[in-house]
Amino acid sequence: MSKNECKGLFFMYIVDGYHSDGSLTKKQTLRFLKRKSCKGCTFCDFIKNDMGESFNYFYFPKNGKNGDVYRIANITDNTDFETGYIDEWHYEFVKVYDK
C-alpha cells in the first residue's frame, strides 16, 4: 500500500454510563483513531471539516458496543438531476470489527 492511498477515517465507539443526583446518564463517544486512519487526503480533509461545522451530517451507530471500531462512509441522499452533483448527504459509521 502506498503512503498516499486513502484508508478512510476510523473511530472507536465508547459508551460510559453513570448515576448522578438521581439521574442515569449514557454518554456515547466516537474517539478518532489517528494511527489507523488516512494520513490526509482531500476527501478525508472534507469530512474533518464537516465534523467541525455540524453534527447534522453524522449519525451514531444504533447498536454500537463499547470498543467497536467504525469507519466513516459517505451516503448520498440526493443528487441534482440537472448537474449530477450531490447536493444532500450524510455520514454513517460502518462497523469494521468488534473489540
PDB file of N, CA and C in Angstrom:
ATOM      1  N   MET A   1       0.847  -1.174   0.000  1.00  0.00           N
ATOM      2  CA  MET A   1       0.000   0.000   0.000  1.00  0.00           C
ATOM      3  C   MET A   1       0.895   1.240   0.000  1.00  0.00           C
ATOM      4  N   SER A   2       0.644   2.163  -0.891  1.00  0.00           N
ATOM      5  CA  SER A   2       1.437   3.382  -0.951  1.00  0.00           C
ATOM      6  C   SER A   2       1.010   4.336   0.158  1.00  0.00           C
ATOM      7  N   LYS A   3       1.888   5.286   0.481  1.00  0.00           N
ATOM      8  CA  LYS A   3       1.603   6.240   1.547  1.00  0.00           C
ATOM      9  C   LYS A   3       0.409   7.131   1.215  1.00  0.00           C
ATOM     10  N   ASN A   4       0.160   7.385  -0.058  1.00  0.00           N
ATOM     11  CA  ASN A   4      -0.891   8.298  -0.465  1.00  0.00           C
ATOM     12  C   ASN A   4      -2.268   7.634  -0.588  1.00  0.00           C
ATOM     13  N   GLU A   5      -2.331   6.323  -0.438  1.00  0.00           N
ATOM     14  CA  GLU A   5      -3.600   5.624  -0.587  1.00  0.00           C
ATOM     15  C   GLU A   5      -4.488   5.887   0.639  1.00  0.00           C
ATOM     16  N   CYS A   6      -5.726   6.271   0.378  1.00  0.00           N
ATOM     17  CA  CYS A   6      -6.661   6.615   1.449  1.00  0.00           C
ATOM     18  C   CYS A   6      -7.226   5.354   2.104  1.00  0.00           C
ATOM     19  N   LYS A   7      -7.120   5.284   3.425  1.00  0.00           N
ATOM     20  CA  LYS A   7      -7.684   4.174   4.188  1.00  0.00           C
ATOM     21  C   LYS A   7      -9.023   4.549   4.789  1.00  0.00           C
ATOM     22  N   GLY A   8      -9.326   5.837   4.851  1.00  0.00           N
ATOM     23  CA  GLY A   8     -10.542   6.313   5.490  1.00  0.00           C
ATOM     24  C   GLY A   8     -10.259   6.773   6.912  1.00  0.00           C
ATOM     25  N   LEU A   9     -11.305   7.205   7.593  1.00  0.00           N
ATOM     26  CA  LEU A   9     -11.193   7.673   8.973  1.00  0.00           C
ATOM     27  C   LEU A   9     -11.827   6.656   9.903  1.00  0.00           C
ATOM     28  N   PHE A  10     -11.102   6.266  10.935  1.00  0.00           N
ATOM     29  CA  PHE A  10     -11.544   5.231  11.862  1.00  0.00           C
ATOM     30  C   PHE A  10     -11.782   5.819  13.248  1.00  0.00           C
ATOM     31  N   PHE A  11     -12.799   5.257  13.931  1.00  0.00           N
ATOM     32  CA  PHE A  11     -13.183   5.714  15.256  1.00  0.00           C
ATOM     33  C   PHE A  11     -13.505   4.519  16.139  1.00  0.00           C
ATOM     34  N   MET A  12     -13.217   4.653  17.440  1.00  0.00           N
ATOM     35  CA  MET A  12     -13.614   3.634  18.413  1.00  0.00           C
ATOM     36  C   MET A  12     -14.830   4.146  19.167  1.00  0.00           C
ATOM     37  N   TYR A  13     -15.830   3.277  19.286  1.00  0.00           N
ATOM     38  CA  TYR A  13     -17.072   3.606  19.978  1.00  0.00           C
ATOM     39  C   TYR A  13     -16.891   3.327  21.463  1.00  0.00           C
ATOM     40  N   ILE A  14     -17.147   4.329  22.275  1.00  0.00           N
ATOM     41  CA  ILE A  14     -17.001   4.198  23.720  1.00  0.00           C
ATOM     42  C   ILE A  14     -18.311   4.615  24.376  1.00  0.00           C
ATOM     43  N   VAL A  15     -18.806   3.770  25.268  1.00  0.00           N
ATOM     44  CA  VAL A  15     -20.038   4.052  25.996  1.00  0.00           C
ATOM     45  C   VAL A  15     -19.707   4.147  27.479  1.00  0.00           C
ATOM     46  N   ASP A  16     -20.124   5.240  28.098  1.00  0.00           N
ATOM     47  CA  ASP A  16     -19.979   5.417  29.533  1.00  0.00           C
ATOM     48  C   ASP A  16     -21.355   5.648  30.110  1.00  0.00           C
ATOM     49  N   GLY A  17     -21.637   5.008  31.210  1.00  0.00           N
ATOM     50  CA  GLY A  17     -22.892   5.231  31.899  1.00  0.00           C
ATOM     51  C   GLY A  17     -22.607   5.519  33.356  1.00  0.00           C
ATOM     52  N   TYR A  18     -23.355   6.431  33.915  1.00  0.00           N
ATOM     53  CA  TYR A  18     -23.153   6.730  35.322  1.00  0.00           C
ATOM     54  C   TYR A  18     -24.436   7.276  35.942  1.00  0.00           C
ATOM     55  N   HIS A  19     -24.443   7.242  37.271  1.00  0.00           N
ATOM     56  CA  HIS A  19     -25.577   7.713  38.060  1.00  0.00           C
ATOM     57  C   HIS A  19     -25.123   8.934  38.841  1.00  0.00           C
ATOM     58  N   SER A  20     -25.904  10.009  38.767  1.00  0.00           N
ATOM     59  CA  SER A  20     -25.542  11.239  39.470  1.00  0.00           C
ATOM     60  C   SER A  20     -26.799  12.006  39.844  1.00  0.00           C
ATOM     61  N   ASP A  21     -26.947  12.329  41.116  1.00  0.00           N
ATOM     62  CA  ASP A  21     -28.075  13.126  41.600  1.00  0.00           C
ATOM     63  C   ASP A  21     -29.432  12.578  41.149  1.00  0.00           C
ATOM     64  N   GLY A  22     -29.603  11.277  41.224  1.00  0.00           N
ATOM     65  CA  GLY A  22     -30.879  10.670  40.868  1.00  0.00           C
ATOM     66  C   GLY A  22     -31.118  10.494  39.381  1.00  0.00           C
ATOM     67  N   SER A  23     -30.125  10.803  38.560  1.00  0.00           N
ATOM     68  CA  SER A  23     -30.259  10.665  37.106  1.00  0.00           C
ATOM     69  C   SER A  23     -29.328   9.586  36.589  1.00  0.00           C
ATOM     70  N   LEU A  24     -29.807   8.854  35.585  1.00  0.00           N
ATOM     71  CA  LEU A  24     -28.957   7.900  34.873  1.00  0.00           C
ATOM     72  C   LEU A  24     -28.535   8.553  33.566  1.00  0.00           C
ATOM     73  N   THR A  25     -27.257   8.497  33.274  1.00  0.00           N
ATOM     74  CA  THR A  25     -26.746   9.145  32.076  1.00  0.00           C
ATOM     75  C   THR A  25     -25.950   8.148  31.241  1.00  0.00           C
ATOM     76  N   LYS A  26     -26.191   8.169  29.933  1.00  0.00           N
ATOM     77  CA  LYS A  26     -25.426   7.350  28.995  1.00  0.00           C
ATOM     78  C   LYS A  26     -24.712   8.302  28.049  1.00  0.00           C
ATOM     79  N   LYS A  27     -23.411   8.192  27.989  1.00  0.00           N
ATOM     80  CA  LYS A  27     -22.599   9.060  27.132  1.00  0.00           C
ATOM     81  C   LYS A  27     -21.967   8.207  26.037  1.00  0.00           C
ATOM     82  N   GLN A  28     -22.184   8.610  24.779  1.00  0.00           N
ATOM     83  CA  GLN A  28     -21.593   7.922  23.628  1.00  0.00           C
ATOM     84  C   GLN A  28     -20.468   8.787  23.073  1.00  0.00           C
ATOM     85  N   THR A  29     -19.338   8.174  22.822  1.00  0.00           N
ATOM     86  CA  THR A  29     -18.194   8.895  22.267  1.00  0.00           C
ATOM     87  C   THR A  29     -17.629   8.096  21.105  1.00  0.00           C
ATOM     88  N   LEU A  30     -17.291   8.781  20.029  1.00  0.00           N
ATOM     89  CA  LEU A  30     -16.552   8.172  18.923  1.00  0.00           C
ATOM     90  C   LEU A  30     -15.171   8.812  18.924  1.00  0.00           C
ATOM     91  N   ARG A  31     -14.177   8.049  19.387  1.00  0.00           N
ATOM     92  CA  ARG A  31     -12.815   8.562  19.517  1.00  0.00           C
ATOM     93  C   ARG A  31     -12.045   8.293  18.230  1.00  0.00           C
ATOM     94  N   PHE A  32     -11.457   9.342  17.684  1.00  0.00           N
ATOM     95  CA  PHE A  32     -10.697   9.262  16.440  1.00  0.00           C
ATOM     96  C   PHE A  32      -9.446   8.416  16.652  1.00  0.00           C
ATOM     97  N   LEU A  33      -9.208   7.455  15.745  1.00  0.00           N
ATOM     98  CA  LEU A  33      -8.030   6.590  15.793  1.00  0.00           C
ATOM     99  C   LEU A  33      -7.030   7.071  14.746  1.00  0.00           C
ATOM    100  N   LYS A  34      -6.136   7.918  15.170  1.00  0.00           N
ATOM    101  CA  LYS A  34      -5.206   8.587  14.261  1.00  0.00           C
ATOM    102  C   LYS A  34      -4.271   7.607  13.541  1.00  0.00           C
ATOM    103  N   ARG A  35      -3.761   6.609  14.243  1.00  0.00           N
ATOM    104  CA  ARG A  35      -2.800   5.675  13.640  1.00  0.00           C
ATOM    105  C   ARG A  35      -3.424   4.805  12.553  1.00  0.00           C
ATOM    106  N   LYS A  36      -4.693   4.423  12.717  1.00  0.00           N
ATOM    107  CA  LYS A  36      -5.374   3.564  11.739  1.00  0.00           C
ATOM    108  C   LYS A  36      -5.894   4.359  10.544  1.00  0.00           C
ATOM    109  N   SER A  37      -6.115   5.652  10.731  1.00  0.00           N
ATOM    110  CA  SER A  37      -6.796   6.474   9.735  1.00  0.00           C
ATOM    111  C   SER A  37      -5.858   6.984   8.646  1.00  0.00           C
ATOM    112  N   CYS A  38      -6.488   7.506   7.595  1.00  0.00           N
ATOM    113  CA  CYS A  38      -5.786   8.123   6.474  1.00  0.00           C
ATOM    114  C   CYS A  38      -4.898   9.252   6.993  1.00  0.00           C
ATOM    115  N   LYS A  39      -3.727   9.361   6.438  1.00  0.00           N
ATOM    116  CA  LYS A  39      -2.779  10.397   6.872  1.00  0.00           C
ATOM    117  C   LYS A  39      -3.138  11.768   6.326  1.00  0.00           C
ATOM    118  N   GLY A  40      -4.063  11.834   5.404  1.00  0.00           N
ATOM    119  CA  GLY A  40      -4.501  13.119   4.867  1.00  0.00           C
ATOM    120  C   GLY A  40      -4.683  13.077   3.360  1.00  0.00           C
ATOM    121  N   CYS A  41      -5.921  13.219   2.940  1.00  0.00           N
ATOM    122  CA  CYS A  41      -6.245  13.329   1.525  1.00  0.00           C
ATOM    123  C   CYS A  41      -7.387  14.338   1.420  1.00  0.00           C
ATOM    124  N   THR A  42      -7.725  14.736   0.236  1.00  0.00           N
ATOM    125  CA  THR A  42      -8.764  15.742   0.036  1.00  0.00           C
ATOM    126  C   THR A  42     -10.107  15.276   0.596  1.00  0.00           C
ATOM    127  N   PHE A  43     -10.465  14.038   0.350  1.00  0.00           N
ATOM    128  CA  PHE A  43     -11.756  13.519   0.809  1.00  0.00           C
ATOM    129  C   PHE A  43     -11.827  13.499   2.338  1.00  0.00           C
ATOM    130  N   CYS A  44     -10.792  12.987   2.992  1.00  0.00           N
ATOM    131  CA  CYS A  44     -10.794  12.912   4.455  1.00  0.00           C
ATOM    132  C   CYS A  44     -10.733  14.304   5.080  1.00  0.00           C
ATOM    133  N   ASP A  45     -10.022  15.227   4.445  1.00  0.00           N
ATOM    134  CA  ASP A  45      -9.998  16.608   4.938  1.00  0.00           C
ATOM    135  C   ASP A  45     -11.390  17.226   4.865  1.00  0.00           C
ATOM    136  N   PHE A  46     -12.137  16.909   3.815  1.00  0.00           N
ATOM    137  CA  PHE A  46     -13.513  17.402   3.658  1.00  0.00           C
ATOM    138  C   PHE A  46     -14.398  16.879   4.794  1.00  0.00           C
ATOM    139  N   ILE A  47     -14.253  15.595   5.133  1.00  0.00           N
ATOM    140  CA  ILE A  47     -15.026  15.008   6.227  1.00  0.00           C
ATOM    141  C   ILE A  47     -14.660  15.675   7.548  1.00  0.00           C
ATOM    142  N   LYS A  48     -13.375  15.885   7.786  1.00  0.00           N
ATOM    143  CA  LYS A  48     -12.942  16.528   9.028  1.00  0.00           C
ATOM    144  C   LYS A  48     -13.508  17.939   9.136  1.00  0.00           C
ATOM    145  N   ASN A  49     -13.586  18.651   8.029  1.00  0.00           N
ATOM    146  CA  ASN A  49     -14.196  19.985   8.045  1.00  0.00           C
ATOM    147  C   ASN A  49     -15.672  19.899   8.400  1.00  0.00           C
ATOM    148  N   ASP A  50     -16.387  18.905   7.858  1.00  0.00           N
ATOM    149  CA  ASP A  50     -17.796  18.713   8.201  1.00  0.00           C
ATOM    150  C   ASP A  50     -17.964  18.397   9.683  1.00  0.00           C
ATOM    151  N   MET A  51     -17.042  17.621  10.256  1.00  0.00           N
ATOM    152  CA  MET A  51     -17.123  17.287  11.675  1.00  0.00           C
ATOM    153  C   MET A  51     -17.015  18.547  12.526  1.00  0.00           C
ATOM    154  N   GLY A  52     -16.226  19.495  12.093  1.00  0.00           N
ATOM    155  CA  GLY A  52     -16.059  20.722  12.850  1.00  0.00           C
ATOM    156  C   GLY A  52     -17.216  21.691  12.706  1.00  0.00           C
ATOM    157  N   GLU A  53     -17.974  21.577  11.622  1.00  0.00           N
ATOM    158  CA  GLU A  53     -19.040  22.535  11.348  1.00  0.00           C
ATOM    159  C   GLU A  53     -20.393  22.115  11.888  1.00  0.00           C
ATOM    160  N   SER A  54     -20.766  20.853  11.731  1.00  0.00           N
ATOM    161  CA  SER A  54     -22.121  20.461  12.099  1.00  0.00           C
ATOM    162  C   SER A  54     -22.204  18.967  12.354  1.00  0.00           C
ATOM    163  N   PHE A  55     -22.914  18.613  13.422  1.00  0.00           N
ATOM    164  CA  PHE A  55     -23.156  17.199  13.693  1.00  0.00           C
ATOM    165  C   PHE A  55     -24.390  16.700  12.964  1.00  0.00           C
ATOM    166  N   ASN A  56     -25.069  17.554  12.212  1.00  0.00           N
ATOM    167  CA  ASN A  56     -26.265  17.139  11.486  1.00  0.00           C
ATOM    168  C   ASN A  56     -25.957  16.116  10.404  1.00  0.00           C
ATOM    169  N   TYR A  57     -24.696  16.046   9.971  1.00  0.00           N
ATOM    170  CA  TYR A  57     -24.316  15.105   8.920  1.00  0.00           C
ATOM    171  C   TYR A  57     -24.030  13.703   9.472  1.00  0.00           C
ATOM    172  N   PHE A  58     -23.871  13.582  10.790  1.00  0.00           N
ATOM    173  CA  PHE A  58     -23.391  12.342  11.385  1.00  0.00           C
ATOM    174  C   PHE A  58     -24.466  11.664  12.223  1.00  0.00           C
ATOM    175  N   TYR A  59     -24.558  10.340  12.083  1.00  0.00           N
ATOM    176  CA  TYR A  59     -25.485   9.533  12.863  1.00  0.00           C
ATOM    177  C   TYR A  59     -24.681   8.498  13.646  1.00  0.00           C
ATOM    178  N   PHE A  60     -24.863   8.471  14.963  1.00  0.00           N
ATOM    179  CA  PHE A  60     -24.156   7.500  15.785  1.00  0.00           C
ATOM    180  C   PHE A  60     -24.652   6.094  15.458  1.00  0.00           C
ATOM    181  N   PRO A  61     -23.788   5.091  15.615  1.00  0.00           N
ATOM    182  CA  PRO A  61     -24.220   3.707  15.389  1.00  0.00           C
ATOM    183  C   PRO A  61     -25.378   3.352  16.315  1.00  0.00           C
ATOM    184  N   LYS A  62     -26.346   2.616  15.793  1.00  0.00           N
ATOM    185  CA  LYS A  62     -27.537   2.284  16.578  1.00  0.00           C
ATOM    186  C   LYS A  62     -27.283   1.177  17.592  1.00  0.00           C
ATOM    187  N   ASN A  63     -26.518   0.190  17.234  1.00  0.00           N
ATOM    188  CA  ASN A  63     -26.287  -0.952  18.131  1.00  0.00           C
ATOM    189  C   ASN A  63     -24.817  -1.078  18.497  1.00  0.00           C
ATOM    190  N   GLY A  64     -24.166   0.063  18.684  1.00  0.00           N
ATOM    191  CA  GLY A  64     -22.742   0.048  18.993  1.00  0.00           C
ATOM    192  C   GLY A  64     -22.455  -0.532  20.363  1.00  0.00           C
ATOM    193  N   LYS A  65     -21.332  -1.204  20.462  1.00  0.00           N
ATOM    194  CA  LYS A  65     -20.877  -1.770  21.724  1.00  0.00           C
ATOM    195  C   LYS A  65     -19.522  -1.159  22.056  1.00  0.00           C
ATOM    196  N   ASN A  66     -19.280  -1.039  23.332  1.00  0.00           N
ATOM    197  CA  ASN A  66     -18.039  -0.453  23.802  1.00  0.00           C
ATOM    198  C   ASN A  66     -16.828  -1.166  23.182  1.00  0.00           C
ATOM    199  N   GLY A  67     -15.962  -0.422  22.525  1.00  0.00           N
ATOM    200  CA  GLY A  67     -14.754  -0.977  21.919  1.00  0.00           C
ATOM    201  C   GLY A  67     -14.869  -1.297  20.438  1.00  0.00           C
ATOM    202  N   ASP A  68     -16.062  -1.239  19.859  1.00  0.00           N
ATOM    203  CA  ASP A  68     -16.205  -1.490  18.422  1.00  0.00           C
ATOM    204  C   ASP A  68     -15.474  -0.415  17.632  1.00  0.00           C
ATOM    205  N   VAL A  69     -14.944  -0.794  16.480  1.00  0.00           N
ATOM    206  CA  VAL A  69     -14.236   0.148  15.610  1.00  0.00           C
ATOM    207  C   VAL A  69     -15.070   0.376  14.349  1.00  0.00           C
ATOM    208  N   TYR A  70     -15.211   1.657  13.988  1.00  0.00           N
ATOM    209  CA  TYR A  70     -16.026   2.070  12.845  1.00  0.00           C
ATOM    210  C   TYR A  70     -15.216   2.917  11.875  1.00  0.00           C
ATOM    211  N   ARG A  71     -15.635   2.867  10.608  1.00  0.00           N
ATOM    212  CA  ARG A  71     -15.077   3.729   9.563  1.00  0.00           C
ATOM    213  C   ARG A  71     -16.215   4.586   9.028  1.00  0.00           C
ATOM    214  N   ILE A  72     -15.921   5.819   8.675  1.00  0.00           N
ATOM    215  CA  ILE A  72     -16.958   6.714   8.147  1.00  0.00           C
ATOM    216  C   ILE A  72     -17.221   6.392   6.679  1.00  0.00           C
ATOM    217  N   ALA A  73     -18.506   6.295   6.343  1.00  0.00           N
ATOM    218  CA  ALA A  73     -18.933   6.128   4.948  1.00  0.00           C
ATOM    219  C   ALA A  73     -19.811   7.312   4.571  1.00  0.00           C
ATOM    220  N   ASN A  74     -19.590   7.858   3.385  1.00  0.00           N
ATOM    221  CA  ASN A  74     -20.378   8.984   2.879  1.00  0.00           C
ATOM    222  C   ASN A  74     -21.585   8.413   2.143  1.00  0.00           C
ATOM    223  N   ILE A  75     -22.800   8.808   2.575  1.00  0.00           N
ATOM    224  CA  ILE A  75     -24.041   8.304   1.995  1.00  0.00           C
ATOM    225  C   ILE A  75     -24.738   9.445   1.257  1.00  0.00           C
ATOM    226  N   THR A  76     -25.023   9.239  -0.020  1.00  0.00           N
ATOM    227  CA  THR A  76     -25.706  10.251  -0.825  1.00  0.00           C
ATOM    228  C   THR A  76     -27.204  10.177  -0.584  1.00  0.00           C
ATOM    229  N   ASP A  77     -27.803  11.328  -0.235  1.00  0.00           N
ATOM    230  CA  ASP A  77     -29.245  11.401  -0.026  1.00  0.00           C
ATOM    231  C   ASP A  77     -29.968  11.937  -1.258  1.00  0.00           C
ATOM    232  N   ASN A  78     -29.325  12.867  -1.964  1.00  0.00           N
ATOM    233  CA  ASN A  78     -29.975  13.472  -3.124  1.00  0.00           C
ATOM    234  C   ASN A  78     -28.920  13.987  -4.102  1.00  0.00           C
ATOM    235  N   THR A  79     -29.186  13.801  -5.387  1.00  0.00           N
ATOM    236  CA  THR A  79     -28.315  14.299  -6.448  1.00  0.00           C
ATOM    237  C   THR A  79     -29.127  15.225  -7.343  1.00  0.00           C
ATOM    238  N   ASP A  80     -28.551  16.359  -7.676  1.00  0.00           N
ATOM    239  CA  ASP A  80     -29.222  17.299  -8.575  1.00  0.00           C
ATOM    240  C   ASP A  80     -29.312  16.655  -9.950  1.00  0.00           C
ATOM    241  N   PHE A  81     -30.524  16.490 -10.457  1.00  0.00           N
ATOM    242  CA  PHE A  81     -30.696  15.761 -11.723  1.00  0.00           C
ATOM    243  C   PHE A  81     -30.171  16.531 -12.931  1.00  0.00           C
ATOM    244  N   GLU A  82     -30.072  17.861 -12.851  1.00  0.00           N
ATOM    245  CA  GLU A  82     -29.562  18.645 -13.975  1.00  0.00           C
ATOM    246  C   GLU A  82     -28.042  18.619 -14.059  1.00  0.00           C
ATOM    247  N   THR A  83     -27.382  18.774 -12.907  1.00  0.00           N
ATOM    248  CA  THR A  83     -25.917  18.862 -12.911  1.00  0.00           C
ATOM    249  C   THR A  83     -25.240  17.541 -12.598  1.00  0.00           C
ATOM    250  N   GLY A  84     -25.952  16.665 -11.886  1.00  0.00           N
ATOM    251  CA  GLY A  84     -25.352  15.397 -11.482  1.00  0.00           C
ATOM    252  C   GLY A  84     -24.534  15.512 -10.208  1.00  0.00           C
ATOM    253  N   TYR A  85     -24.479  16.708  -9.612  1.00  0.00           N
ATOM    254  CA  TYR A  85     -23.723  16.908  -8.383  1.00  0.00           C
ATOM    255  C   TYR A  85     -24.549  16.475  -7.171  1.00  0.00           C
ATOM    256  N   ILE A  86     -23.861  15.949  -6.177  1.00  0.00           N
ATOM    257  CA  ILE A  86     -24.509  15.566  -4.923  1.00  0.00           C
ATOM    258  C   ILE A  86     -24.805  16.845  -4.150  1.00  0.00           C
ATOM    259  N   ASP A  87     -26.082  17.026  -3.761  1.00  0.00           N
ATOM    260  CA  ASP A  87     -26.409  18.235  -3.018  1.00  0.00           C
ATOM    261  C   ASP A  87     -26.904  17.958  -1.598  1.00  0.00           C
ATOM    262  N   GLU A  88     -27.153  16.701  -1.260  1.00  0.00           N
ATOM    263  CA  GLU A  88     -27.510  16.330   0.108  1.00  0.00           C
ATOM    264  C   GLU A  88     -26.840  15.002   0.440  1.00  0.00           C
ATOM    265  N   TRP A  89     -26.258  14.923   1.632  1.00  0.00           N
ATOM    266  CA  TRP A  89     -25.563  13.722   2.053  1.00  0.00           C
ATOM    267  C   TRP A  89     -25.524  13.655   3.574  1.00  0.00           C
ATOM    268  N   HIS A  90     -25.134  12.487   4.067  1.00  0.00           N
ATOM    269  CA  HIS A  90     -24.847  12.306   5.482  1.00  0.00           C
ATOM    270  C   HIS A  90     -23.768  11.229   5.591  1.00  0.00           C
ATOM    271  N   TYR A  91     -23.242  11.083   6.776  1.00  0.00           N
ATOM    272  CA  TYR A  91     -22.205  10.092   7.025  1.00  0.00           C
ATOM    273  C   TYR A  91     -22.744   9.022   7.955  1.00  0.00           C
ATOM    274  N   GLU A  92     -22.327   7.789   7.712  1.00  0.00           N
ATOM    275  CA  GLU A  92     -22.670   6.687   8.598  1.00  0.00           C
ATOM    276  C   GLU A  92     -21.390   6.037   9.072  1.00  0.00           C
ATOM    277  N   PHE A  93     -21.453   5.525  10.268  1.00  0.00           N
ATOM    278  CA  PHE A  93     -20.322   4.791  10.808  1.00  0.00           C
ATOM    279  C   PHE A  93     -20.552   3.313  10.545  1.00  0.00           C
ATOM    280  N   VAL A  94     -19.678   2.725   9.732  1.00  0.00           N
ATOM    281  CA  VAL A  94     -19.783   1.319   9.338  1.00  0.00           C
ATOM    282  C   VAL A  94     -18.831   0.515  10.197  1.00  0.00           C
ATOM    283  N   LYS A  95     -19.363  -0.534  10.852  1.00  0.00           N
ATOM    284  CA  LYS A  95     -18.524  -1.334  11.746  1.00  0.00           C
ATOM    285  C   LYS A  95     -17.460  -2.061  10.954  1.00  0.00           C
ATOM    286  N   VAL A  96     -16.220  -1.925  11.402  1.00  0.00           N
ATOM    287  CA  VAL A  96     -15.089  -2.614  10.770  1.00  0.00           C
ATOM    288  C   VAL A  96     -14.841  -3.924  11.513  1.00  0.00           C
ATOM    289  N   TYR A  97     -14.786  -3.853  12.829  1.00  0.00           N
ATOM    290  CA  TYR A  97     -14.648  -5.066  13.630  1.00  0.00           C
ATOM    291  C   TYR A  97     -15.028  -4.788  15.072  1.00  0.00           C
ATOM    292  N   ASP A  98     -15.367  -5.891  15.786  1.00  0.00           N
ATOM    293  CA  ASP A  98     -15.698  -5.819  17.206  1.00  0.00           C
ATOM    294  C   ASP A  98     -14.398  -5.869  17.999  1.00  0.00           C
ATOM    295  N   LYS A  99     -14.503  -5.404  19.219  1.00  0.00           N
ATOM    296  CA  LYS A  99     -13.350  -5.429  20.103  1.00  0.00           C
ATOM    297  C   LYS A  99     -13.016  -6.851  20.453  1.00  0.00           C
TER     298      LYS A  99
END
